[in-house]
């Protein structure tokens, strides 16, 4: 999962691929994209993503990876 700060409301797939490539994810398959609702990180099931949301705000992006 990629959290990526973007200036507009339309997903920028090229920016997403570029961010992923910086972390050696060059064959990532982007299947869905959409806006993230900031209040959602306050729910119990989404709390695990809170630090990734904060990292995105601070650094412009965050990658969540789990096997």
PDB file of N, CA and C in Angstrom:
ATOM      1  N   UNK A   1       0.854  -1.157   0.000  1.00  0.00           N
ATOM      2  CA  UNK A   1       0.000   0.000   0.000  1.00  0.00           C
ATOM      3  C   UNK A   1       0.903   1.224   0.000  1.00  0.00           C
ATOM      4  N   UNK A   2       0.545   2.194  -0.805  1.00  0.00           N
ATOM      5  CA  UNK A   2       1.332   3.419  -0.907  1.00  0.00           C
ATOM      6  C   UNK A   2       0.478   4.611  -0.521  1.00  0.00           C
ATOM      7  N   UNK A   3       0.947   5.368   0.433  1.00  0.00           N
ATOM      8  CA  UNK A   3       0.362   6.658   0.757  1.00  0.00           C
ATOM      9  C   UNK A   3       1.214   7.683   0.032  1.00  0.00           C
ATOM     10  N   UNK A   4       0.607   8.510  -0.810  1.00  0.00           N
ATOM     11  CA  UNK A   4       1.370   9.475  -1.592  1.00  0.00           C
ATOM     12  C   UNK A   4       0.653  10.812  -1.609  1.00  0.00           C
ATOM     13  N   UNK A   5       1.316  11.842  -1.095  1.00  0.00           N
ATOM     14  CA  UNK A   5       0.740  13.185  -1.124  1.00  0.00           C
ATOM     15  C   UNK A   5       0.744  13.691  -2.563  1.00  0.00           C
ATOM     16  N   UNK A   6      -0.415  14.190  -3.012  1.00  0.00           N
ATOM     17  CA  UNK A   6      -0.540  14.684  -4.378  1.00  0.00           C
ATOM     18  C   UNK A   6      -1.328  15.993  -4.364  1.00  0.00           C
ATOM     19  N   UNK A   7      -1.019  16.891  -5.279  1.00  0.00           N
ATOM     20  CA  UNK A   7      -1.674  18.202  -5.270  1.00  0.00           C
ATOM     21  C   UNK A   7      -3.129  18.187  -5.736  1.00  0.00           C
ATOM     22  N   UNK A   8      -3.508  17.243  -6.568  1.00  0.00           N
ATOM     23  CA  UNK A   8      -4.865  17.236  -7.109  1.00  0.00           C
ATOM     24  C   UNK A   8      -5.677  16.057  -6.620  1.00  0.00           C
ATOM     25  N   UNK A   9      -6.894  15.965  -7.110  1.00  0.00           N
ATOM     26  CA  UNK A   9      -7.779  14.883  -6.687  1.00  0.00           C
ATOM     27  C   UNK A   9      -7.681  13.649  -7.585  1.00  0.00           C
ATOM     28  N   UNK A  10      -7.074  13.789  -8.753  1.00  0.00           N
ATOM     29  CA  UNK A  10      -6.902  12.657  -9.662  1.00  0.00           C
ATOM     30  C   UNK A  10      -5.612  11.907  -9.322  1.00  0.00           C
ATOM     31  N   UNK A  11      -5.670  10.581  -9.276  1.00  0.00           N
ATOM     32  CA  UNK A  11      -4.458   9.804  -8.979  1.00  0.00           C
ATOM     33  C   UNK A  11      -3.359  10.043 -10.017  1.00  0.00           C
ATOM     34  N   UNK A  12      -2.149  10.268  -9.548  1.00  0.00           N
ATOM     35  CA  UNK A  12      -0.992  10.469 -10.420  1.00  0.00           C
ATOM     36  C   UNK A  12      -0.182   9.171 -10.406  1.00  0.00           C
ATOM     37  N   UNK A  13      -0.493   8.289 -11.351  1.00  0.00           N
ATOM     38  CA  UNK A  13       0.142   6.982 -11.384  1.00  0.00           C
ATOM     39  C   UNK A  13       1.642   7.078 -11.662  1.00  0.00           C
ATOM     40  N   UNK A  14       2.049   8.046 -12.444  1.00  0.00           N
ATOM     41  CA  UNK A  14       3.481   8.213 -12.722  1.00  0.00           C
ATOM     42  C   UNK A  14       4.236   8.609 -11.454  1.00  0.00           C
ATOM     43  N   UNK A  15       3.657   9.491 -10.661  1.00  0.00           N
ATOM     44  CA  UNK A  15       4.284   9.877  -9.388  1.00  0.00           C
ATOM     45  C   UNK A  15       4.351   8.674  -8.446  1.00  0.00           C
ATOM     46  N   UNK A  16       3.313   7.857  -8.457  1.00  0.00           N
ATOM     47  CA  UNK A  16       3.299   6.655  -7.612  1.00  0.00           C
ATOM     48  C   UNK A  16       4.389   5.681  -8.048  1.00  0.00           C
ATOM     49  N   UNK A  17       4.509   5.460  -9.354  1.00  0.00           N
ATOM     50  CA  UNK A  17       5.558   4.555  -9.852  1.00  0.00           C
ATOM     51  C   UNK A  17       6.946   5.093  -9.525  1.00  0.00           C
ATOM     52  N   UNK A  18       7.117   6.394  -9.642  1.00  0.00           N
ATOM     53  CA  UNK A  18       8.401   7.013  -9.335  1.00  0.00           C
ATOM     54  C   UNK A  18       8.758   6.834  -7.856  1.00  0.00           C
ATOM     55  N   UNK A  19       7.787   7.035  -6.975  1.00  0.00           N
ATOM     56  CA  UNK A  19       8.020   6.872  -5.535  1.00  0.00           C
ATOM     57  C   UNK A  19       8.363   5.417  -5.218  1.00  0.00           C
ATOM     58  N   UNK A  20       7.647   4.488  -5.821  1.00  0.00           N
ATOM     59  CA  UNK A  20       7.917   3.073  -5.597  1.00  0.00           C
ATOM     60  C   UNK A  20       9.294   2.676  -6.124  1.00  0.00           C
ATOM     61  N   UNK A  21       9.690   3.229  -7.270  1.00  0.00           N
ATOM     62  CA  UNK A  21      10.994   2.918  -7.864  1.00  0.00           C
ATOM     63  C   UNK A  21      12.144   3.375  -6.968  1.00  0.00           C
ATOM     64  N   UNK A  22      11.944   4.434  -6.209  1.00  0.00           N
ATOM     65  CA  UNK A  22      12.979   4.900  -5.276  1.00  0.00           C
ATOM     66  C   UNK A  22      13.290   3.851  -4.212  1.00  0.00           C
ATOM     67  N   UNK A  23      12.347   2.940  -4.004  1.00  0.00           N
ATOM     68  CA  UNK A  23      12.525   1.884  -3.005  1.00  0.00           C
ATOM     69  C   UNK A  23      12.674   0.522  -3.671  1.00  0.00           C
ATOM     70  N   UNK A  24      13.063   0.538  -4.957  1.00  0.00           N
ATOM     71  CA  UNK A  24      13.342  -0.674  -5.744  1.00  0.00           C
ATOM     72  C   UNK A  24      12.095  -1.484  -6.095  1.00  0.00           C
ATOM     73  N   UNK A  25      10.935  -0.904  -5.984  1.00  0.00           N
ATOM     74  CA  UNK A  25       9.696  -1.566  -6.387  1.00  0.00           C
ATOM     75  C   UNK A  25       9.415  -1.166  -7.835  1.00  0.00           C
ATOM     76  N   UNK A  26      10.108  -1.792  -8.777  1.00  0.00           N
ATOM     77  CA  UNK A  26       9.992  -1.373 -10.176  1.00  0.00           C
ATOM     78  C   UNK A  26       8.952  -2.169 -10.957  1.00  0.00           C
ATOM     79  N   UNK A  27       8.478  -3.265 -10.402  1.00  0.00           N
ATOM     80  CA  UNK A  27       7.470  -4.071 -11.093  1.00  0.00           C
ATOM     81  C   UNK A  27       6.149  -4.093 -10.330  1.00  0.00           C
ATOM     82  N   UNK A  28       5.880  -3.043  -9.581  1.00  0.00           N
ATOM     83  CA  UNK A  28       4.651  -2.982  -8.797  1.00  0.00           C
ATOM     84  C   UNK A  28       3.447  -2.854  -9.724  1.00  0.00           C
ATOM     85  N   UNK A  29       2.404  -3.561  -9.378  1.00  0.00           N
ATOM     86  CA  UNK A  29       1.163  -3.532 -10.143  1.00  0.00           C
ATOM     87  C   UNK A  29       0.156  -2.666  -9.385  1.00  0.00           C
ATOM     88  N   UNK A  30      -0.109  -1.476  -9.897  1.00  0.00           N
ATOM     89  CA  UNK A  30      -1.049  -0.571  -9.246  1.00  0.00           C
ATOM     90  C   UNK A  30      -2.452  -0.933  -9.729  1.00  0.00           C
ATOM     91  N   UNK A  31      -3.263  -1.431  -8.827  1.00  0.00           N
ATOM     92  CA  UNK A  31      -4.600  -1.902  -9.194  1.00  0.00           C
ATOM     93  C   UNK A  31      -5.707  -0.926  -8.849  1.00  0.00           C
ATOM     94  N   UNK A  32      -5.527  -0.187  -7.772  1.00  0.00           N
ATOM     95  CA  UNK A  32      -6.542   0.779  -7.363  1.00  0.00           C
ATOM     96  C   UNK A  32      -5.868   2.026  -6.832  1.00  0.00           C
ATOM     97  N   UNK A  33      -6.563   3.120  -6.944  1.00  0.00           N
ATOM     98  CA  UNK A  33      -6.075   4.382  -6.389  1.00  0.00           C
ATOM     99  C   UNK A  33      -7.276   5.232  -6.010  1.00  0.00           C
ATOM    100  N   UNK A  34      -7.102   6.016  -5.007  1.00  0.00           N
ATOM    101  CA  UNK A  34      -8.188   6.889  -4.600  1.00  0.00           C
ATOM    102  C   UNK A  34      -7.773   7.728  -3.419  1.00  0.00           C
ATOM    103  N   UNK A  35      -8.588   8.699  -3.092  1.00  0.00           N
ATOM    104  CA  UNK A  35      -8.262   9.586  -1.969  1.00  0.00           C
ATOM    105  C   UNK A  35      -8.357   8.845  -0.637  1.00  0.00           C
ATOM    106  N   UNK A  36      -7.548   9.271   0.273  1.00  0.00           N
ATOM    107  CA  UNK A  36      -7.532   8.706   1.620  1.00  0.00           C
ATOM    108  C   UNK A  36      -8.281   9.667   2.533  1.00  0.00           C
ATOM    109  N   UNK A  37      -9.174   9.140   3.320  1.00  0.00           N
ATOM    110  CA  UNK A  37      -9.918   9.965   4.272  1.00  0.00           C
ATOM    111  C   UNK A  37      -9.135  10.038   5.583  1.00  0.00           C
ATOM    112  N   UNK A  38      -8.573  11.200   5.920  1.00  0.00           N
ATOM    113  CA  UNK A  38      -7.719  11.317   7.105  1.00  0.00           C
ATOM    114  C   UNK A  38      -8.368  10.836   8.395  1.00  0.00           C
ATOM    115  N   UNK A  39      -9.658  11.064   8.559  1.00  0.00           N
ATOM    116  CA  UNK A  39     -10.322  10.645   9.793  1.00  0.00           C
ATOM    117  C   UNK A  39     -10.365   9.127   9.950  1.00  0.00           C
ATOM    118  N   UNK A  40     -10.158   8.409   8.856  1.00  0.00           N
ATOM    119  CA  UNK A  40     -10.242   6.949   8.921  1.00  0.00           C
ATOM    120  C   UNK A  40      -9.139   6.334   9.789  1.00  0.00           C
ATOM    121  N   UNK A  41      -7.996   7.011   9.951  1.00  0.00           N
ATOM    122  CA  UNK A  41      -6.920   6.448  10.778  1.00  0.00           C
ATOM    123  C   UNK A  41      -7.275   6.445  12.261  1.00  0.00           C
ATOM    124  N   UNK A  42      -8.368   7.079  12.616  1.00  0.00           N
ATOM    125  CA  UNK A  42      -8.800   7.078  14.013  1.00  0.00           C
ATOM    126  C   UNK A  42      -9.641   5.856  14.352  1.00  0.00           C
ATOM    127  N   UNK A  43     -10.090   5.121  13.346  1.00  0.00           N
ATOM    128  CA  UNK A  43     -10.887   3.925  13.620  1.00  0.00           C
ATOM    129  C   UNK A  43      -9.951   2.802  14.075  1.00  0.00           C
ATOM    130  N   UNK A  44     -10.486   1.861  14.832  1.00  0.00           N
ATOM    131  CA  UNK A  44      -9.668   0.758  15.363  1.00  0.00           C
ATOM    132  C   UNK A  44      -9.000  -0.050  14.255  1.00  0.00           C
ATOM    133  N   UNK A  45      -9.731  -0.372  13.191  1.00  0.00           N
ATOM    134  CA  UNK A  45      -9.168  -1.218  12.134  1.00  0.00           C
ATOM    135  C   UNK A  45      -8.121  -0.501  11.283  1.00  0.00           C
ATOM    136  N   UNK A  46      -8.156   0.811  11.241  1.00  0.00           N
ATOM    137  CA  UNK A  46      -7.200   1.573  10.429  1.00  0.00           C
ATOM    138  C   UNK A  46      -6.073   2.186  11.260  1.00  0.00           C
ATOM    139  N   UNK A  47      -6.136   2.044  12.574  1.00  0.00           N
ATOM    140  CA  UNK A  47      -5.131   2.664  13.450  1.00  0.00           C
ATOM    141  C   UNK A  47      -3.708   2.225  13.095  1.00  0.00           C
ATOM    142  N   UNK A  48      -3.561   1.018  12.572  1.00  0.00           N
ATOM    143  CA  UNK A  48      -2.248   0.500  12.190  1.00  0.00           C
ATOM    144  C   UNK A  48      -1.600   1.373  11.101  1.00  0.00           C
ATOM    145  N   UNK A  49      -2.390   2.099  10.342  1.00  0.00           N
ATOM    146  CA  UNK A  49      -1.860   2.940   9.277  1.00  0.00           C
ATOM    147  C   UNK A  49      -1.572   4.370   9.729  1.00  0.00           C
ATOM    148  N   UNK A  50      -1.841   4.693  10.983  1.00  0.00           N
ATOM    149  CA  UNK A  50      -1.676   6.071  11.459  1.00  0.00           C
ATOM    150  C   UNK A  50      -0.262   6.589  11.258  1.00  0.00           C
ATOM    151  N   UNK A  51       0.732   5.792  11.611  1.00  0.00           N
ATOM    152  CA  UNK A  51       2.115   6.277  11.463  1.00  0.00           C
ATOM    153  C   UNK A  51       2.498   6.445   9.996  1.00  0.00           C
ATOM    154  N   UNK A  52       1.909   5.636   9.109  1.00  0.00           N
ATOM    155  CA  UNK A  52       2.186   5.781   7.685  1.00  0.00           C
ATOM    156  C   UNK A  52       1.560   7.069   7.128  1.00  0.00           C
ATOM    157  N   UNK A  53       0.391   7.396   7.622  1.00  0.00           N
ATOM    158  CA  UNK A  53      -0.259   8.650   7.236  1.00  0.00           C
ATOM    159  C   UNK A  53       0.584   9.831   7.702  1.00  0.00           C
ATOM    160  N   UNK A  54       1.062   9.777   8.928  1.00  0.00           N
ATOM    161  CA  UNK A  54       1.918  10.850   9.461  1.00  0.00           C
ATOM    162  C   UNK A  54       3.210  10.955   8.652  1.00  0.00           C
ATOM    163  N   UNK A  55       3.802   9.820   8.299  1.00  0.00           N
ATOM    164  CA  UNK A  55       5.022   9.811   7.490  1.00  0.00           C
ATOM    165  C   UNK A  55       4.761  10.437   6.120  1.00  0.00           C
ATOM    166  N   UNK A  56       3.621  10.147   5.546  1.00  0.00           N
ATOM    167  CA  UNK A  56       3.257  10.723   4.258  1.00  0.00           C
ATOM    168  C   UNK A  56       3.155  12.238   4.357  1.00  0.00           C
ATOM    169  N   UNK A  57       2.540  12.725   5.418  1.00  0.00           N
ATOM    170  CA  UNK A  57       2.432  14.177   5.606  1.00  0.00           C
ATOM    171  C   UNK A  57       3.811  14.828   5.748  1.00  0.00           C
ATOM    172  N   UNK A  58       4.701  14.138   6.460  1.00  0.00           N
ATOM    173  CA  UNK A  58       6.034  14.692   6.711  1.00  0.00           C
ATOM    174  C   UNK A  58       6.968  14.570   5.511  1.00  0.00           C
ATOM    175  N   UNK A  59       6.919  13.412   4.816  1.00  0.00           N
ATOM    176  CA  UNK A  59       7.900  13.131   3.767  1.00  0.00           C
ATOM    177  C   UNK A  59       7.314  13.040   2.355  1.00  0.00           C
ATOM    178  N   UNK A  60       6.008  13.157   2.226  1.00  0.00           N
ATOM    179  CA  UNK A  60       5.381  13.109   0.909  1.00  0.00           C
ATOM    180  C   UNK A  60       4.929  11.727   0.473  1.00  0.00           C
ATOM    181  N   UNK A  61       5.283  10.697   1.247  1.00  0.00           N
ATOM    182  CA  UNK A  61       4.851   9.348   0.906  1.00  0.00           C
ATOM    183  C   UNK A  61       5.267   8.348   1.962  1.00  0.00           C
ATOM    184  N   UNK A  62       4.603   7.213   1.927  1.00  0.00           N
ATOM    185  CA  UNK A  62       4.911   6.118   2.837  1.00  0.00           C
ATOM    186  C   UNK A  62       4.463   4.819   2.192  1.00  0.00           C
ATOM    187  N   UNK A  63       5.292   3.801   2.296  1.00  0.00           N
ATOM    188  CA  UNK A  63       4.964   2.493   1.739  1.00  0.00           C
ATOM    189  C   UNK A  63       4.668   1.538   2.888  1.00  0.00           C
ATOM    190  N   UNK A  64       3.536   0.860   2.790  1.00  0.00           N
ATOM    191  CA  UNK A  64       3.168  -0.174   3.751  1.00  0.00           C
ATOM    192  C   UNK A  64       3.364  -1.500   3.053  1.00  0.00           C
ATOM    193  N   UNK A  65       4.182  -2.359   3.642  1.00  0.00           N
ATOM    194  CA  UNK A  65       4.448  -3.661   3.045  1.00  0.00           C
ATOM    195  C   UNK A  65       4.305  -4.721   4.116  1.00  0.00           C
ATOM    196  N   UNK A  66       3.578  -5.743   3.795  1.00  0.00           N
ATOM    197  CA  UNK A  66       3.480  -6.886   4.689  1.00  0.00           C
ATOM    198  C   UNK A  66       3.305  -8.130   3.840  1.00  0.00           C
ATOM    199  N   UNK A  67       3.950  -9.235   4.241  1.00  0.00           N
ATOM    200  CA  UNK A  67       3.911 -10.474   3.441  1.00  0.00           C
ATOM    201  C   UNK A  67       2.561 -11.158   3.518  1.00  0.00           C
TER     202      UNK A  67
END
